[in-house]
Amino acid sequence: MGILCSGSFVADILVPDLPYIGSPGSLTYAPNGICLSPGGHSANVAIDLAQLETDDVYTVGSIGEDEMGRFLVDQLKNRGVNPLPEIYENSTTAKNVALMVKGEDRRYISELTANSLLTTEHLQASINKVKPRIFYQGTLGGLPDIEKNLPEILENTQESLNFIDVIMPSNGWGYLESAYPSIHIFHANQLEAYNLTGENDPHRAISRLNNLGVTFIIISDAQNGVVVGTQNHHVEMPAYQVTQRDATGAGDALSAGIISSIQKNNFTIDDIVNPDIMIELLLFGQAAGAACVTGIGATTNVTMKNVKSILEQQRDKVHSRTRMKRQ
């Protein structure tokens, strides 16, 4: 039984290390080239898992019947992932352009095309085919048909450990209300968690989600680290210290690191609520997220070699600064 990742497929066009954005009519050369790579939550997490030497990884997303879609499928296969794309003849594969000026936050130019059209029917067929031990669903907030049927989808994966990852929604958070009691692991960043719960304090946000029925909540806050909680324990862990080149995909790498550790250790939901295991999952997951930001692109540097190097150098220090409190 493998891992099934579901969510968006996107072609990322990344322009790193720009000295500036030119005025209208000007020409700016990209000093370190223009990078084309697979992107989207489903593709990113799946590729990261494969590069973390996790076996039997499958990924679901929607693409157009075009050259960019074929590029994504080929890239996924070349990186050891089993793609299960839903292909739309009358749509195009989504593209995302990231302009990165030195010293400034990233500028995104994105399109909504096939990436938002994933259907419950295709996903259910993929679930029935793979029968995953772990089911990852990302891009919730941008997949209307999946959101509408989320409780049914989670019911169909009741034999799996599920991991739900959200983005800021276009039509509100109501789709989660009936799904909360079926969610095992829930990941949001600090802004998403605040927007969802109205709580600035991550500990209060976690408690609110626990009370709604979610078992295990992860709230990530970039270089500030993560806060994780269950009904009985909260863990607060600082981030690893690395030189950041590109933050694209860091949250996906964190998720992949946690999923990989769960899979390799054959952990169950009963195991991961143990605070000692929670800490071990975070140490590995955050190392994957830290590895991610040291390279250009969402998955480039998320490798077992890089993760092990970060762990060897900083694990003990981060562990010593980790705080656990009983609820």
C-alpha atoms as a PDB file:
ATOM      1  CA  MET A   1       0.000   0.000   0.000  1.00  0.00           C
ATOM      2  CA  GLY A   2       1.577   3.232  -1.183  1.00  0.00           C
ATOM      3  CA  ILE A   3       0.955   6.967  -0.957  1.00  0.00           C
ATOM      4  CA  LEU A   4      -1.544   8.849  -3.108  1.00  0.00           C
ATOM      5  CA  CYS A   5      -1.083  12.621  -3.476  1.00  0.00           C
ATOM      6  CA  SER A   6      -3.982  14.651  -4.840  1.00  0.00           C
ATOM      7  CA  GLY A   7      -4.219  18.333  -5.690  1.00  0.00           C
ATOM      8  CA  SER A   8      -2.941  20.644  -8.407  1.00  0.00           C
ATOM      9  CA  PHE A   9      -0.523  20.169 -11.290  1.00  0.00           C
ATOM     10  CA  VAL A  10       1.251  23.337 -12.450  1.00  0.00           C
ATOM     11  CA  ALA A  11       4.263  24.135 -14.626  1.00  0.00           C
ATOM     12  CA  ASP A  12       6.472  26.529 -12.653  1.00  0.00           C
ATOM     13  CA  ILE A  13       8.484  29.104 -14.599  1.00  0.00           C
ATOM     14  CA  LEU A  14      10.981  30.575 -12.139  1.00  0.00           C
ATOM     15  CA  VAL A  15      13.212  33.606 -12.693  1.00  0.00           C
ATOM     16  CA  PRO A  16      15.622  33.834  -9.732  1.00  0.00           C
ATOM     17  CA  ASP A  17      18.120  36.451  -8.577  1.00  0.00           C
ATOM     18  CA  LEU A  18      16.823  39.332 -10.689  1.00  0.00           C
ATOM     19  CA  PRO A  19      18.582  42.625  -9.920  1.00  0.00           C
ATOM     20  CA  TYR A  20      15.343  44.559 -10.528  1.00  0.00           C
ATOM     21  CA  ILE A  21      12.088  44.573 -12.516  1.00  0.00           C
ATOM     22  CA  GLY A  22      12.634  46.799 -15.527  1.00  0.00           C
ATOM     23  CA  SER A  23      10.437  49.668 -16.645  1.00  0.00           C
ATOM     24  CA  PRO A  24       7.953  49.204 -19.535  1.00  0.00           C
ATOM     25  CA  GLY A  25       9.781  48.459 -22.776  1.00  0.00           C
ATOM     26  CA  SER A  26      13.041  47.508 -21.078  1.00  0.00           C
ATOM     27  CA  LEU A  27      15.008  44.266 -21.309  1.00  0.00           C
ATOM     28  CA  THR A  28      16.316  42.516 -18.194  1.00  0.00           C
ATOM     29  CA  TYR A  29      18.564  39.481 -18.462  1.00  0.00           C
ATOM     30  CA  ALA A  30      18.064  36.690 -15.920  1.00  0.00           C
ATOM     31  CA  PRO A  31      21.528  36.347 -14.323  1.00  0.00           C
ATOM     32  CA  ASN A  32      20.988  32.725 -13.311  1.00  0.00           C
ATOM     33  CA  GLY A  33      18.673  31.596 -16.046  1.00  0.00           C
ATOM     34  CA  ILE A  34      14.963  30.834 -16.279  1.00  0.00           C
ATOM     35  CA  CYS A  35      13.899  27.502 -14.758  1.00  0.00           C
ATOM     36  CA  LEU A  36      10.982  25.319 -15.854  1.00  0.00           C
ATOM     37  CA  SER A  37       9.899  22.633 -13.402  1.00  0.00           C
ATOM     38  CA  PRO A  38       6.853  20.667 -12.224  1.00  0.00           C
ATOM     39  CA  GLY A  39       4.773  22.416  -9.569  1.00  0.00           C
ATOM     40  CA  GLY A  40       1.492  22.349  -7.696  1.00  0.00           C
ATOM     41  CA  HIS A  41       0.863  20.760  -4.301  1.00  0.00           C
ATOM     42  CA  SER A  42       0.238  17.244  -5.575  1.00  0.00           C
ATOM     43  CA  ALA A  43       3.263  17.153  -7.876  1.00  0.00           C
ATOM     44  CA  ASN A  44       5.572  18.839  -5.354  1.00  0.00           C
ATOM     45  CA  VAL A  45       4.754  16.523  -2.465  1.00  0.00           C
ATOM     46  CA  ALA A  46       4.962  13.435  -4.674  1.00  0.00           C
ATOM     47  CA  ILE A  47       8.355  14.405  -6.123  1.00  0.00           C
ATOM     48  CA  ASP A  48       9.687  15.277  -2.677  1.00  0.00           C
ATOM     49  CA  LEU A  49       8.553  11.894  -1.364  1.00  0.00           C
ATOM     50  CA  ALA A  50      10.299  10.064  -4.191  1.00  0.00           C
ATOM     51  CA  GLN A  51      13.499  12.077  -3.651  1.00  0.00           C
ATOM     52  CA  LEU A  52      13.296  11.217   0.054  1.00  0.00           C
ATOM     53  CA  GLU A  53      13.500   7.577  -1.054  1.00  0.00           C
ATOM     54  CA  THR A  54       9.869   6.759  -0.312  1.00  0.00           C
ATOM     55  CA  ASP A  55       8.413   3.913  -2.371  1.00  0.00           C
ATOM     56  CA  ASP A  56       5.106   3.555  -4.257  1.00  0.00           C
ATOM     57  CA  VAL A  57       4.212   7.236  -4.681  1.00  0.00           C
ATOM     58  CA  TYR A  58       1.249   8.149  -6.909  1.00  0.00           C
ATOM     59  CA  THR A  59      -0.025  11.606  -7.803  1.00  0.00           C
ATOM     60  CA  VAL A  60      -3.340  12.928  -9.134  1.00  0.00           C
ATOM     61  CA  GLY A  61      -4.001  16.286 -10.783  1.00  0.00           C
ATOM     62  CA  SER A  62      -5.509  17.842 -13.889  1.00  0.00           C
ATOM     63  CA  ILE A  63      -3.695  18.944 -17.046  1.00  0.00           C
ATOM     64  CA  GLY A  64      -4.538  20.026 -20.559  1.00  0.00           C
ATOM     65  CA  GLU A  65      -3.889  17.916 -23.620  1.00  0.00           C
ATOM     66  CA  ASP A  66      -0.859  19.986 -24.567  1.00  0.00           C
ATOM     67  CA  GLU A  67       2.930  20.023 -24.582  1.00  0.00           C
ATOM     68  CA  MET A  68       3.178  21.433 -21.065  1.00  0.00           C
ATOM     69  CA  GLY A  69       0.969  18.656 -19.737  1.00  0.00           C
ATOM     70  CA  ARG A  70       3.144  16.040 -21.398  1.00  0.00           C
ATOM     71  CA  PHE A  71       6.193  17.743 -19.898  1.00  0.00           C
ATOM     72  CA  LEU A  72       4.708  17.444 -16.388  1.00  0.00           C
ATOM     73  CA  VAL A  73       3.854  13.766 -16.812  1.00  0.00           C
ATOM     74  CA  ASP A  74       7.317  12.977 -18.180  1.00  0.00           C
ATOM     75  CA  GLN A  75       9.001  14.872 -15.343  1.00  0.00           C
ATOM     76  CA  LEU A  76       6.971  13.029 -12.719  1.00  0.00           C
ATOM     77  CA  LYS A  77       7.848   9.652 -14.233  1.00  0.00           C
ATOM     78  CA  ASN A  78      11.530  10.583 -14.536  1.00  0.00           C
ATOM     79  CA  ARG A  79      11.610  11.434 -10.829  1.00  0.00           C
ATOM     80  CA  GLY A  80      10.159   8.103  -9.724  1.00  0.00           C
ATOM     81  CA  VAL A  81       6.502   9.096  -9.323  1.00  0.00           C
ATOM     82  CA  ASN A  82       3.472   7.315 -10.799  1.00  0.00           C
ATOM     83  CA  PRO A  83       1.252  10.038 -12.347  1.00  0.00           C
ATOM     84  CA  LEU A  84      -2.513   9.549 -12.687  1.00  0.00           C
ATOM     85  CA  PRO A  85      -3.517  12.718 -14.566  1.00  0.00           C
ATOM     86  CA  GLU A  86      -7.010  13.825 -15.476  1.00  0.00           C
ATOM     87  CA  ILE A  87      -6.631  15.245 -18.997  1.00  0.00           C
ATOM     88  CA  TYR A  88      -8.856  17.975 -20.446  1.00  0.00           C
ATOM     89  CA  GLU A  89      -8.907  18.323 -24.219  1.00  0.00           C
ATOM     90  CA  ASN A  90     -10.424  21.808 -24.155  1.00  0.00           C
ATOM     91  CA  SER A  91      -8.217  23.325 -21.473  1.00  0.00           C
ATOM     92  CA  THR A  92      -4.544  24.070 -21.040  1.00  0.00           C
ATOM     93  CA  THR A  93      -2.080  23.001 -18.397  1.00  0.00           C
ATOM     94  CA  ALA A  94      -1.696  25.691 -15.747  1.00  0.00           C
ATOM     95  CA  LYS A  95       1.479  27.748 -15.604  1.00  0.00           C
ATOM     96  CA  ASN A  96       2.870  29.870 -12.797  1.00  0.00           C
ATOM     97  CA  VAL A  97       5.558  32.513 -13.277  1.00  0.00           C
ATOM     98  CA  ALA A  98       7.604  33.534 -10.220  1.00  0.00           C
ATOM     99  CA  LEU A  99       9.760  36.649 -10.506  1.00  0.00           C
ATOM    100  CA  MET A 100      12.332  36.824  -7.714  1.00  0.00           C
ATOM    101  CA  VAL A 101      14.152  40.111  -7.197  1.00  0.00           C
ATOM    102  CA  LYS A 102      17.046  40.020  -4.729  1.00  0.00           C
ATOM    103  CA  GLY A 103      15.969  41.350  -1.339  1.00  0.00           C
ATOM    104  CA  GLU A 104      12.252  41.383  -2.220  1.00  0.00           C
ATOM    105  CA  ASP A 105       9.378  38.964  -1.810  1.00  0.00           C
ATOM    106  CA  ARG A 106       8.419  36.862  -4.824  1.00  0.00           C
ATOM    107  CA  ARG A 107       6.011  38.165  -7.461  1.00  0.00           C
ATOM    108  CA  TYR A 108       3.640  35.554  -8.906  1.00  0.00           C
ATOM    109  CA  ILE A 109       1.758  35.562 -12.182  1.00  0.00           C
ATOM    110  CA  SER A 110      -0.594  32.571 -12.291  1.00  0.00           C
ATOM    111  CA  GLU A 111      -3.443  31.235 -14.369  1.00  0.00           C
ATOM    112  CA  LEU A 112      -6.424  29.096 -13.497  1.00  0.00           C
ATOM    113  CA  THR A 113      -6.945  26.499 -16.208  1.00  0.00           C
ATOM    114  CA  ALA A 114      -7.008  22.708 -15.906  1.00  0.00           C
ATOM    115  CA  ASN A 115      -5.384  22.756 -12.439  1.00  0.00           C
ATOM    116  CA  SER A 116      -8.692  23.664 -10.728  1.00  0.00           C
ATOM    117  CA  LEU A 117     -10.825  21.124 -12.611  1.00  0.00           C
ATOM    118  CA  LEU A 118      -9.935  17.874 -10.819  1.00  0.00           C
ATOM    119  CA  THR A 119     -13.108  15.823 -10.384  1.00  0.00           C
ATOM    120  CA  THR A 120     -14.253  13.604  -7.566  1.00  0.00           C
ATOM    121  CA  GLU A 121     -14.941  10.842 -10.091  1.00  0.00           C
ATOM    122  CA  HIS A 122     -11.324  10.766 -11.277  1.00  0.00           C
ATOM    123  CA  LEU A 123      -9.961  10.984  -7.744  1.00  0.00           C
ATOM    124  CA  GLN A 124     -12.235   8.207  -6.482  1.00  0.00           C
ATOM    125  CA  ALA A 125     -11.122   5.964  -9.353  1.00  0.00           C
ATOM    126  CA  SER A 126      -7.483   6.682  -8.451  1.00  0.00           C
ATOM    127  CA  ILE A 127      -8.142   5.889  -4.772  1.00  0.00           C
ATOM    128  CA  ASN A 128      -9.761   2.600  -5.736  1.00  0.00           C
ATOM    129  CA  LYS A 129      -6.800   1.760  -7.967  1.00  0.00           C
ATOM    130  CA  VAL A 130      -4.015   2.606  -5.506  1.00  0.00           C
ATOM    131  CA  LYS A 131      -5.751   1.733  -2.206  1.00  0.00           C
ATOM    132  CA  PRO A 132      -3.272   4.030  -0.438  1.00  0.00           C
ATOM    133  CA  ARG A 133      -1.994   3.589   3.080  1.00  0.00           C
ATOM    134  CA  ILE A 134      -1.530   7.384   3.232  1.00  0.00           C
ATOM    135  CA  PHE A 135      -3.743   9.833   1.323  1.00  0.00           C
ATOM    136  CA  TYR A 136      -2.549  13.423   0.870  1.00  0.00           C
ATOM    137  CA  GLN A 137      -5.036  16.018  -0.363  1.00  0.00           C
ATOM    138  CA  GLY A 138      -3.562  19.427  -1.128  1.00  0.00           C
ATOM    139  CA  THR A 139      -4.811  22.617  -2.804  1.00  0.00           C
ATOM    140  CA  LEU A 140      -8.092  22.540  -0.894  1.00  0.00           C
ATOM    141  CA  GLY A 141      -9.516  26.005  -1.374  1.00  0.00           C
ATOM    142  CA  GLY A 142      -8.847  25.818  -5.118  1.00  0.00           C
ATOM    143  CA  LEU A 143     -10.550  22.550  -6.165  1.00  0.00           C
ATOM    144  CA  PRO A 144     -14.321  23.193  -6.191  1.00  0.00           C
ATOM    145  CA  ASP A 145     -15.532  19.683  -7.016  1.00  0.00           C
ATOM    146  CA  ILE A 146     -13.201  18.006  -4.500  1.00  0.00           C
ATOM    147  CA  GLU A 147     -14.213  20.450  -1.761  1.00  0.00           C
ATOM    148  CA  LYS A 148     -17.914  19.813  -2.409  1.00  0.00           C
ATOM    149  CA  ASN A 149     -17.399  16.079  -1.934  1.00  0.00           C
ATOM    150  CA  LEU A 150     -14.628  16.045   0.682  1.00  0.00           C
ATOM    151  CA  PRO A 151     -16.564  14.042   3.341  1.00  0.00           C
ATOM    152  CA  GLU A 152     -17.383  11.373   0.757  1.00  0.00           C
ATOM    153  CA  ILE A 153     -13.755  11.230  -0.389  1.00  0.00           C
ATOM    154  CA  LEU A 154     -12.477  10.850   3.157  1.00  0.00           C
ATOM    155  CA  GLU A 155     -15.052   8.117   3.754  1.00  0.00           C
ATOM    156  CA  ASN A 156     -13.640   6.293   0.732  1.00  0.00           C
ATOM    157  CA  THR A 157     -10.153   6.526   2.267  1.00  0.00           C
ATOM    158  CA  GLN A 158     -11.198   5.460   5.771  1.00  0.00           C
ATOM    159  CA  GLU A 159      -8.612   2.666   5.708  1.00  0.00           C
ATOM    160  CA  SER A 160      -5.917   5.264   4.979  1.00  0.00           C
ATOM    161  CA  LEU A 161      -4.217   7.835   7.151  1.00  0.00           C
ATOM    162  CA  ASN A 162      -5.217  11.156   5.566  1.00  0.00           C
ATOM    163  CA  PHE A 163      -3.257  14.419   5.413  1.00  0.00           C
ATOM    164  CA  ILE A 164      -5.194  17.562   4.426  1.00  0.00           C
ATOM    165  CA  ASP A 165      -3.370  20.680   3.194  1.00  0.00           C
ATOM    166  CA  VAL A 166      -5.208  23.940   2.498  1.00  0.00           C
ATOM    167  CA  ILE A 167      -4.708  27.229   0.676  1.00  0.00           C
ATOM    168  CA  MET A 168      -6.612  30.482   1.139  1.00  0.00           C
ATOM    169  CA  PRO A 169     -10.024  29.647  -0.356  1.00  0.00           C
ATOM    170  CA  SER A 170     -11.843  31.518  -3.104  1.00  0.00           C
ATOM    171  CA  ASN A 171     -15.288  30.670  -1.674  1.00  0.00           C
ATOM    172  CA  GLY A 172     -14.787  30.504   2.092  1.00  0.00           C
ATOM    173  CA  TRP A 173     -13.978  27.698   4.515  1.00  0.00           C
ATOM    174  CA  GLY A 174     -17.469  26.190   4.757  1.00  0.00           C
ATOM    175  CA  TYR A 175     -16.498  23.090   2.802  1.00  0.00           C
ATOM    176  CA  LEU A 176     -14.479  21.875   5.808  1.00  0.00           C
ATOM    177  CA  GLU A 177     -17.319  21.930   8.343  1.00  0.00           C
ATOM    178  CA  SER A 178     -18.674  18.433   7.774  1.00  0.00           C
ATOM    179  CA  ALA A 179     -15.199  17.004   7.067  1.00  0.00           C
ATOM    180  CA  TYR A 180     -13.422  18.013  10.290  1.00  0.00           C
ATOM    181  CA  PRO A 181     -14.164  14.823  12.285  1.00  0.00           C
ATOM    182  CA  SER A 182     -12.697  12.674   9.481  1.00  0.00           C
ATOM    183  CA  ILE A 183      -9.400  14.584   9.175  1.00  0.00           C
ATOM    184  CA  HIS A 184      -6.356  12.916  10.711  1.00  0.00           C
ATOM    185  CA  ILE A 185      -3.585  15.440   9.902  1.00  0.00           C
ATOM    186  CA  PHE A 186      -4.286  19.050   8.929  1.00  0.00           C
ATOM    187  CA  HIS A 187      -1.657  21.507   7.680  1.00  0.00           C
ATOM    188  CA  ALA A 188      -2.003  25.255   7.269  1.00  0.00           C
ATOM    189  CA  ASN A 189       0.416  28.144   7.437  1.00  0.00           C
ATOM    190  CA  GLN A 190       0.070  30.876  10.051  1.00  0.00           C
ATOM    191  CA  LEU A 191      -1.994  33.188   7.809  1.00  0.00           C
ATOM    192  CA  GLU A 192      -4.320  30.396   6.693  1.00  0.00           C
ATOM    193  CA  ALA A 193      -4.817  29.213  10.271  1.00  0.00           C
ATOM    194  CA  TYR A 194      -5.689  32.751  11.405  1.00  0.00           C
ATOM    195  CA  ASN A 195      -8.076  33.254   8.492  1.00  0.00           C
ATOM    196  CA  LEU A 196      -9.752  29.929   9.228  1.00  0.00           C
ATOM    197  CA  THR A 197     -10.087  30.171  13.013  1.00  0.00           C
ATOM    198  CA  GLY A 198      -9.824  33.896  13.785  1.00  0.00           C
ATOM    199  CA  GLU A 199      -7.030  33.067  16.243  1.00  0.00           C
ATOM    200  CA  ASN A 200      -3.638  34.794  15.955  1.00  0.00           C
ATOM    201  CA  ASP A 201      -2.097  32.467  18.532  1.00  0.00           C
ATOM    202  CA  PRO A 202      -1.317  29.111  16.876  1.00  0.00           C
ATOM    203  CA  HIS A 203      -1.975  27.226  20.119  1.00  0.00           C
ATOM    204  CA  ARG A 204      -5.514  28.637  20.312  1.00  0.00           C
ATOM    205  CA  ALA A 205      -6.035  27.920  16.615  1.00  0.00           C
ATOM    206  CA  ILE A 206      -4.962  24.306  17.168  1.00  0.00           C
ATOM    207  CA  SER A 207      -7.296  23.915  20.145  1.00  0.00           C
ATOM    208  CA  ARG A 208     -10.199  25.282  18.111  1.00  0.00           C
ATOM    209  CA  LEU A 209      -9.550  22.789  15.307  1.00  0.00           C
ATOM    210  CA  ASN A 210      -9.114  19.938  17.812  1.00  0.00           C
ATOM    211  CA  ASN A 211     -12.505  20.805  19.267  1.00  0.00           C
ATOM    212  CA  LEU A 212     -14.019  20.568  15.774  1.00  0.00           C
ATOM    213  CA  GLY A 213     -12.735  16.995  15.489  1.00  0.00           C
ATOM    214  CA  VAL A 214      -9.348  17.227  13.744  1.00  0.00           C
ATOM    215  CA  THR A 215      -6.833  14.824  15.298  1.00  0.00           C
ATOM    216  CA  PHE A 216      -3.412  16.361  14.521  1.00  0.00           C
ATOM    217  CA  ILE A 217      -2.811  19.963  13.434  1.00  0.00           C
ATOM    218  CA  ILE A 218       0.376  21.465  11.960  1.00  0.00           C
ATOM    219  CA  ILE A 219       0.720  25.259  11.728  1.00  0.00           C
ATOM    220  CA  SER A 220       3.879  26.323   9.921  1.00  0.00           C
ATOM    221  CA  ASP A 221       5.372  29.808  10.026  1.00  0.00           C
ATOM    222  CA  ALA A 222       8.355  29.800   7.650  1.00  0.00           C
ATOM    223  CA  GLN A 223      11.610  30.738   9.410  1.00  0.00           C
ATOM    224  CA  ASN A 224       9.783  30.916  12.755  1.00  0.00           C
ATOM    225  CA  GLY A 225       9.240  27.140  12.798  1.00  0.00           C
ATOM    226  CA  VAL A 226       6.108  25.123  13.507  1.00  0.00           C
ATOM    227  CA  VAL A 227       3.523  24.496  16.185  1.00  0.00           C
ATOM    228  CA  VAL A 228       1.805  21.116  16.244  1.00  0.00           C
ATOM    229  CA  GLY A 229      -0.954  19.899  18.492  1.00  0.00           C
ATOM    230  CA  THR A 230      -3.435  17.227  19.497  1.00  0.00           C
ATOM    231  CA  GLN A 231      -6.079  17.191  22.207  1.00  0.00           C
ATOM    232  CA  ASN A 232      -3.431  16.215  24.769  1.00  0.00           C
ATOM    233  CA  HIS A 233      -0.135  17.817  23.723  1.00  0.00           C
ATOM    234  CA  HIS A 234       1.245  20.819  21.841  1.00  0.00           C
ATOM    235  CA  VAL A 235       4.792  20.936  20.460  1.00  0.00           C
ATOM    236  CA  GLU A 236       6.571  24.154  19.432  1.00  0.00           C
ATOM    237  CA  MET A 237       9.748  23.744  17.379  1.00  0.00           C
ATOM    238  CA  PRO A 238      12.059  26.415  15.898  1.00  0.00           C
ATOM    239  CA  ALA A 239      13.213  26.245  12.303  1.00  0.00           C
ATOM    240  CA  TYR A 240      16.592  25.017  11.100  1.00  0.00           C
ATOM    241  CA  GLN A 241      18.936  27.855  10.128  1.00  0.00           C
ATOM    242  CA  VAL A 242      19.884  27.754   6.440  1.00  0.00           C
ATOM    243  CA  THR A 243      20.667  30.240   3.687  1.00  0.00           C
ATOM    244  CA  GLN A 244      17.429  30.786   1.778  1.00  0.00           C
ATOM    245  CA  ARG A 245      17.446  31.152  -1.999  1.00  0.00           C
ATOM    246  CA  ASP A 246      13.804  30.427  -2.842  1.00  0.00           C
ATOM    247  CA  ALA A 247      10.938  29.684  -0.455  1.00  0.00           C
ATOM    248  CA  THR A 248       8.769  28.092  -3.166  1.00  0.00           C
ATOM    249  CA  GLY A 249       7.478  24.705  -2.021  1.00  0.00           C
ATOM    250  CA  ALA A 250       8.765  24.830   1.571  1.00  0.00           C
ATOM    251  CA  GLY A 251       5.374  23.909   3.034  1.00  0.00           C
ATOM    252  CA  ASP A 252       5.029  21.031   0.587  1.00  0.00           C
ATOM    253  CA  ALA A 253       8.487  19.772   1.537  1.00  0.00           C
ATOM    254  CA  LEU A 254       7.546  19.924   5.237  1.00  0.00           C
ATOM    255  CA  SER A 255       4.435  17.878   4.484  1.00  0.00           C
ATOM    256  CA  ALA A 256       6.400  15.383   2.393  1.00  0.00           C
ATOM    257  CA  GLY A 257       9.010  14.954   5.111  1.00  0.00           C
ATOM    258  CA  ILE A 258       6.351  14.174   7.709  1.00  0.00           C
ATOM    259  CA  ILE A 259       4.517  11.773   5.382  1.00  0.00           C
ATOM    260  CA  SER A 260       7.759  10.016   4.437  1.00  0.00           C
ATOM    261  CA  SER A 261       8.663   9.503   8.089  1.00  0.00           C
ATOM    262  CA  ILE A 262       5.197   8.129   8.854  1.00  0.00           C
ATOM    263  CA  GLN A 263       5.375   5.719   5.927  1.00  0.00           C
ATOM    264  CA  LYS A 264       8.904   4.444   6.566  1.00  0.00           C
ATOM    265  CA  ASN A 265       8.213   3.848  10.263  1.00  0.00           C
ATOM    266  CA  ASN A 266       4.784   2.352   9.593  1.00  0.00           C
ATOM    267  CA  PHE A 267       3.243   4.772  12.090  1.00  0.00           C
ATOM    268  CA  THR A 268      -0.522   4.760  12.678  1.00  0.00           C
ATOM    269  CA  ILE A 269      -2.700   7.626  13.817  1.00  0.00           C
ATOM    270  CA  ASP A 270      -2.404   6.264  17.369  1.00  0.00           C
ATOM    271  CA  ASP A 271       1.391   6.436  17.098  1.00  0.00           C
ATOM    272  CA  ILE A 272       1.694   9.989  15.818  1.00  0.00           C
ATOM    273  CA  VAL A 273      -0.268  11.533  18.685  1.00  0.00           C
ATOM    274  CA  ASN A 274       2.532  10.352  20.992  1.00  0.00           C
ATOM    275  CA  PRO A 275       4.501  13.557  21.765  1.00  0.00           C
ATOM    276  CA  ASP A 276       7.899  11.894  21.292  1.00  0.00           C
ATOM    277  CA  ILE A 277       6.890  10.680  17.842  1.00  0.00           C
ATOM    278  CA  MET A 278       5.397  14.104  17.045  1.00  0.00           C
ATOM    279  CA  ILE A 279       8.807  15.627  17.716  1.00  0.00           C
ATOM    280  CA  GLU A 280      10.614  13.080  15.526  1.00  0.00           C
ATOM    281  CA  LEU A 281       8.189  13.737  12.657  1.00  0.00           C
ATOM    282  CA  LEU A 282       8.765  17.478  12.938  1.00  0.00           C
ATOM    283  CA  LEU A 283      12.544  17.171  13.092  1.00  0.00           C
ATOM    284  CA  PHE A 284      12.577  15.288   9.788  1.00  0.00           C
ATOM    285  CA  GLY A 285       9.789  17.322   8.164  1.00  0.00           C
ATOM    286  CA  GLN A 286      11.379  20.642   9.002  1.00  0.00           C
ATOM    287  CA  ALA A 287      14.743  19.425   7.687  1.00  0.00           C
ATOM    288  CA  ALA A 288      13.021  18.676   4.364  1.00  0.00           C
ATOM    289  CA  GLY A 289      11.488  22.164   4.357  1.00  0.00           C
ATOM    290  CA  ALA A 290      14.875  23.710   5.150  1.00  0.00           C
ATOM    291  CA  ALA A 291      16.542  21.752   2.344  1.00  0.00           C
ATOM    292  CA  CYS A 292      13.876  23.030  -0.041  1.00  0.00           C
ATOM    293  CA  VAL A 293      14.609  26.733   0.437  1.00  0.00           C
ATOM    294  CA  THR A 294      18.343  26.332  -0.240  1.00  0.00           C
ATOM    295  CA  GLY A 295      17.703  25.745  -3.955  1.00  0.00           C
ATOM    296  CA  ILE A 296      15.716  27.303  -6.788  1.00  0.00           C
ATOM    297  CA  GLY A 297      12.381  25.591  -7.363  1.00  0.00           C
ATOM    298  CA  ALA A 298       9.917  23.706  -5.225  1.00  0.00           C
ATOM    299  CA  THR A 299      11.650  20.317  -5.250  1.00  0.00           C
ATOM    300  CA  THR A 300      15.214  20.783  -6.497  1.00  0.00           C
ATOM    301  CA  ASN A 301      17.056  20.433  -3.185  1.00  0.00           C
ATOM    302  CA  VAL A 302      14.649  18.163  -1.319  1.00  0.00           C
ATOM    303  CA  THR A 303      16.877  15.098  -1.335  1.00  0.00           C
ATOM    304  CA  MET A 304      17.747  12.566   1.333  1.00  0.00           C
ATOM    305  CA  LYS A 305      21.396  13.641   1.136  1.00  0.00           C
ATOM    306  CA  ASN A 306      20.549  17.281   1.885  1.00  0.00           C
ATOM    307  CA  VAL A 307      18.070  16.397   4.631  1.00  0.00           C
ATOM    308  CA  LYS A 308      20.584  14.105   6.358  1.00  0.00           C
ATOM    309  CA  SER A 309      23.222  16.840   6.199  1.00  0.00           C
ATOM    310  CA  ILE A 310      20.899  19.346   7.903  1.00  0.00           C
ATOM    311  CA  LEU A 311      19.940  16.798  10.543  1.00  0.00           C
ATOM    312  CA  GLU A 312      23.571  15.912  11.271  1.00  0.00           C
ATOM    313  CA  GLN A 313      24.509  19.559  11.738  1.00  0.00           C
ATOM    314  CA  GLN A 314      21.483  20.980  13.555  1.00  0.00           C
ATOM    315  CA  ARG A 315      19.152  18.262  14.843  1.00  0.00           C
ATOM    316  CA  ASP A 316      20.384  18.291  18.432  1.00  0.00           C
ATOM    317  CA  LYS A 317      20.261  22.084  18.663  1.00  0.00           C
ATOM    318  CA  VAL A 318      16.722  22.293  17.294  1.00  0.00           C
ATOM    319  CA  HIS A 319      15.609  19.403  19.492  1.00  0.00           C
ATOM    320  CA  SER A 320      17.014  21.124  22.602  1.00  0.00           C
ATOM    321  CA  ARG A 321      14.985  24.252  21.809  1.00  0.00           C
ATOM    322  CA  THR A 322      11.759  22.358  21.202  1.00  0.00           C
ATOM    323  CA  ARG A 323       9.001  22.821  23.785  1.00  0.00           C
ATOM    324  CA  MET A 324       6.215  20.396  24.603  1.00  0.00           C
ATOM    325  CA  LYS A 325       3.287  21.144  26.892  1.00  0.00           C
ATOM    326  CA  ARG A 326       0.408  19.015  28.037  1.00  0.00           C
ATOM    327  CA  GLN A 327      -3.093  20.338  27.429  1.00  0.00           C
END
